[in-house]
Amino acid sequence: QVQLVESGGGLVQAGGSLRLSCAASGLTFSTTAMGWFRQAPGKEREFVAVINWSGGSTAYADSVKGRFTISRDNVKNTVDLQMNSLKPEDTAVYYCASKKSFDTVRAANRDDYRYWGQGTQVTVSS
């Protein structure tokens, strides 16, 4: 079965950095776009970033643009999210998700993602 397992979350001070990683198995990873979402307490799950099948196309939420970078390794079947200049408002559970297609079209639409990981907690202290 498909498994998406996130790692790398933790507690960091504002201005710091974290790198999240998602290990995928059970799916044709190299032809699937991958995304990151996050959900803060009391809020809806929101789009963070997406990367297409090859890594040649990415898209980001305005709130993280210029601070976060998504990347993938189609040999290791992993997708990473490098998060720099973290802010307290970045505090959330971060989820990895596999898209139903190979591209970044409709990147922010949760319905366009088929499988989800269990999430990893990121807490940014002020």
Protein backbone atom coordinates (compact mmCIF):
# COMPACT_ATOMS: atom_id res chain seq x y z
CA GLN A 1 0.00 0.00 0.00
CA VAL A 2 1.00 3.62 -0.38
CA GLN A 3 2.91 5.15 2.50
CA LEU A 4 4.03 8.72 2.94
CA VAL A 5 6.14 9.24 6.05
CA GLU A 6 7.17 12.72 7.12
CA SER A 7 10.13 13.51 9.35
CA GLY A 8 12.19 16.47 10.45
CA GLY A 9 9.70 18.46 12.46
CA GLY A 10 10.51 19.99 15.81
CA LEU A 11 10.82 23.12 17.89
CA VAL A 12 12.82 26.05 16.54
CA GLN A 13 13.19 29.71 17.40
CA ALA A 14 11.89 32.40 15.10
CA GLY A 15 14.38 33.08 12.34
CA GLY A 16 15.66 29.53 12.42
CA SER A 17 15.48 26.74 9.86
CA LEU A 18 14.13 23.23 9.58
CA ARG A 19 14.19 20.67 6.81
CA LEU A 20 11.25 18.33 6.45
CA SER A 21 11.47 15.12 4.49
CA CYS A 22 8.79 12.79 3.16
CA ALA A 23 9.62 9.21 2.19
CA ALA A 24 7.21 7.65 -0.28
CA SER A 25 6.57 4.01 -1.06
CA GLY A 26 3.96 2.00 -2.90
CA LEU A 27 3.38 4.51 -5.69
CA THR A 28 5.03 5.47 -8.96
CA PHE A 29 6.85 8.33 -7.34
CA SER A 30 8.80 9.52 -10.37
CA THR A 31 5.61 10.34 -12.32
CA THR A 32 3.68 11.93 -9.45
CA ALA A 33 3.68 15.54 -8.37
CA MET A 34 4.15 15.97 -4.63
CA GLY A 35 2.98 18.66 -2.27
CA TRP A 36 3.23 19.97 1.27
CA PHE A 37 0.31 21.29 3.25
CA ARG A 38 0.02 22.50 6.81
CA GLN A 39 -2.68 22.80 9.42
CA ALA A 40 -2.56 25.05 12.45
CA PRO A 41 -4.88 24.51 15.43
CA GLY A 42 -8.40 25.67 14.65
CA LYS A 43 -7.59 26.36 11.01
CA GLU A 44 -8.14 24.57 7.75
CA ARG A 45 -5.37 22.62 6.09
CA GLU A 46 -3.63 24.97 3.66
CA PHE A 47 -1.34 24.59 0.71
CA VAL A 48 2.36 25.28 1.21
CA ALA A 49 4.28 24.05 -1.83
CA VAL A 50 4.17 21.63 -4.75
CA ILE A 51 6.71 20.15 -7.14
CA ASN A 52 6.02 18.43 -10.43
CA TRP A 53 7.18 14.93 -11.39
CA SER A 54 10.61 15.96 -12.61
CA GLY A 55 11.35 18.73 -10.15
CA GLY A 56 11.38 21.25 -12.96
CA SER A 57 8.30 23.14 -11.84
CA THR A 58 7.36 24.32 -8.37
CA ALA A 59 4.74 26.56 -6.80
CA TYR A 60 4.43 28.12 -3.37
CA ALA A 61 1.88 29.80 -1.17
CA ASP A 62 2.47 33.54 -0.98
CA SER A 63 3.05 33.25 2.76
CA VAL A 64 6.15 31.07 2.32
CA LYS A 65 7.50 32.29 -1.00
CA GLY A 66 11.16 33.22 -0.74
CA ARG A 67 11.57 31.37 2.58
CA PHE A 68 10.67 27.75 1.77
CA THR A 69 12.08 25.52 -0.96
CA ILE A 70 10.62 22.22 -2.11
CA SER A 71 12.80 19.60 -3.79
CA ARG A 72 12.64 15.93 -4.69
CA ASP A 73 14.87 12.93 -5.30
CA ASN A 74 13.33 10.43 -7.71
CA VAL A 75 15.98 7.84 -6.88
CA LYS A 76 15.40 7.91 -3.13
CA ASN A 77 11.64 8.58 -3.53
CA THR A 78 11.76 11.54 -1.19
CA VAL A 79 10.43 15.08 -1.25
CA ASP A 80 11.91 17.71 1.06
CA LEU A 81 10.81 21.09 2.31
CA GLN A 82 13.60 23.42 3.38
CA MET A 83 12.14 26.08 5.66
CA ASN A 84 14.20 29.18 6.42
CA SER A 85 13.47 32.39 8.31
CA LEU A 86 10.73 30.64 10.22
CA LYS A 87 8.03 32.68 11.90
CA PRO A 88 5.67 31.81 14.76
CA GLU A 89 2.81 31.79 12.27
CA ASP A 90 4.51 28.85 10.51
CA THR A 91 3.64 26.71 13.52
CA ALA A 92 1.48 23.81 12.30
CA VAL A 93 1.37 20.14 11.50
CA TYR A 94 2.96 19.70 8.08
CA TYR A 95 1.63 17.03 5.73
CA CYS A 96 3.14 15.49 2.64
CA ALA A 97 0.72 14.53 -0.13
CA SER A 98 0.88 12.85 -3.51
CA LYS A 99 -0.96 14.56 -6.32
CA LYS A 100 -3.30 12.73 -8.67
CA SER A 101 -1.35 14.09 -11.62
CA PHE A 102 2.24 14.76 -12.63
CA ASP A 103 1.92 18.53 -12.84
CA THR A 104 1.43 21.51 -10.54
CA VAL A 105 -1.93 22.57 -11.95
CA ARG A 106 -4.51 23.33 -9.22
CA ALA A 107 -1.72 22.96 -6.69
CA ALA A 108 -3.68 24.37 -3.77
CA ASN A 109 -6.74 22.19 -4.26
CA ARG A 110 -6.75 19.44 -1.61
CA ASP A 111 -9.09 17.32 -3.74
CA ASP A 112 -6.33 17.01 -6.35
CA TYR A 113 -4.21 14.99 -3.92
CA ARG A 114 -4.71 11.27 -3.48
CA TYR A 115 -2.57 10.13 -0.56
CA TRP A 116 -1.53 11.90 2.63
CA GLY A 117 1.05 11.31 5.31
CA GLN A 118 0.38 11.42 9.04
CA GLY A 119 2.06 14.78 9.49
CA THR A 120 4.96 16.18 11.46
CA GLN A 121 4.70 18.98 14.02
CA VAL A 122 6.62 22.20 13.48
CA THR A 123 6.63 24.69 16.33
CA VAL A 124 8.27 28.10 15.99
CA SER A 125 8.77 30.03 19.20
CA SER A 126 8.97 33.81 19.31
